[in-house]
Amino acid sequence: MKANIRLILLGELILVAAIFLFMLIVGGGGLSSVIWFIDLPSIIVILLFLIPGLMIMGAWKDFVKAFSVGIRPYRLLELKNIIGAVGAAQKLTAFGALVAMIMGGVFIMGSLDDMSSLGPNLAVCFLTGFYAVLIEIFLLPLKLNAERKMNEEMDFEDE
């Protein structure tokens, strides 16, 4: 069976959204608590590590190709580069989130005299990690798909 990576990613998006909505409804916050999970600066910090990092490493084009593995044919070397680019994206996402969480922790420690800001500031720290996990949920199938395709190509060449 030939799996379309774009359909897999769409399915993951629907699954994550369904679980998220289920947890909001069951958790008692209701749909109005969706706003609690939106922190644009945290997303921007992660993306500021991810996108320029891939560009600096020269892996941006290979990363973009990961979204069409299995749809378009790629040679073994290209697949290896795609796998490396997605692996770099995974690490950059984790490092970006870690830096943002540490920075948030420093800001929290700097404002401990105002205990009313402790909860919201901690929430921002946790949201950064949450965003990194969500990004990783989408990067993992990209990498696995490219690895599977590379293994198929290696099998084909051996025959």
Foldseek 3Di string as FASTA:
>chain_A
DQDQLVVVLVVVVVVVVVVVQVCCVVVPVHPVCVVLLDDVVLVVLLVVQQPVVCVVVVLNVLCVCLNCQSPDDDDLVSLVSNLVSLVVNLVSNVVSLVVVLVVLVVVLVVPVVPVVCNVSSVSSNVSSVVVSVVVVSSSVVSNVSSVVSSVVNVVVVVD
